Amino acid sequence: MVNTTRYGVPVYDPSAYPPVAVTVDLVVLTVRDGTL
């Protein structure tokens, strides 16, 4: 049985999924006129 909110959206239950560690780092550097 899936619990839903009053709007019909399923409630997210993190314990229903296996624990996985994922880290995403994004660095954007711009060189302009010879300077960073």
Protein backbone atom coordinates (compact mmCIF):
# COMPACT_ATOMS: atom_id res chain seq x y z
CA MET A 1 0.00 0.00 0.00
CA VAL A 2 1.31 3.43 -0.94
CA ASN A 3 0.50 6.35 1.31
CA THR A 4 -0.38 9.54 -0.52
CA THR A 5 -0.86 13.16 0.43
CA ARG A 6 -4.23 14.81 0.13
CA TYR A 7 -3.25 15.85 -3.40
CA GLY A 8 -2.64 12.25 -4.46
CA VAL A 9 1.15 12.55 -4.51
CA PRO A 10 2.92 9.48 -3.07
CA VAL A 11 4.70 10.12 0.23
CA TYR A 12 8.48 9.75 -0.08
CA ASP A 13 9.82 7.14 2.33
CA PRO A 14 13.65 7.05 2.28
CA SER A 15 13.71 3.83 4.30
CA ALA A 16 12.07 2.05 1.34
CA TYR A 17 15.33 2.33 -0.64
CA PRO A 18 18.80 0.92 0.08
CA PRO A 19 21.25 3.48 1.48
CA VAL A 20 23.58 4.73 -1.25
CA ALA A 21 26.06 7.56 -0.90
CA VAL A 22 26.40 9.72 -4.00
CA THR A 23 28.11 13.08 -4.02
CA VAL A 24 28.18 15.42 -6.99
CA ASP A 25 30.38 18.51 -6.93
CA LEU A 26 30.28 21.01 -9.75
CA VAL A 27 32.81 23.81 -10.08
CA VAL A 28 32.58 26.32 -12.90
CA LEU A 29 35.55 28.62 -13.37
CA THR A 30 35.71 31.37 -15.95
CA VAL A 31 38.89 32.95 -17.31
CA ARG A 32 38.21 36.44 -18.56
CA ASP A 33 40.84 38.93 -19.69
CA GLY A 34 43.57 36.66 -18.35
CA THR A 35 42.18 36.55 -14.81
CA LEU A 36 40.24 33.86 -13.05
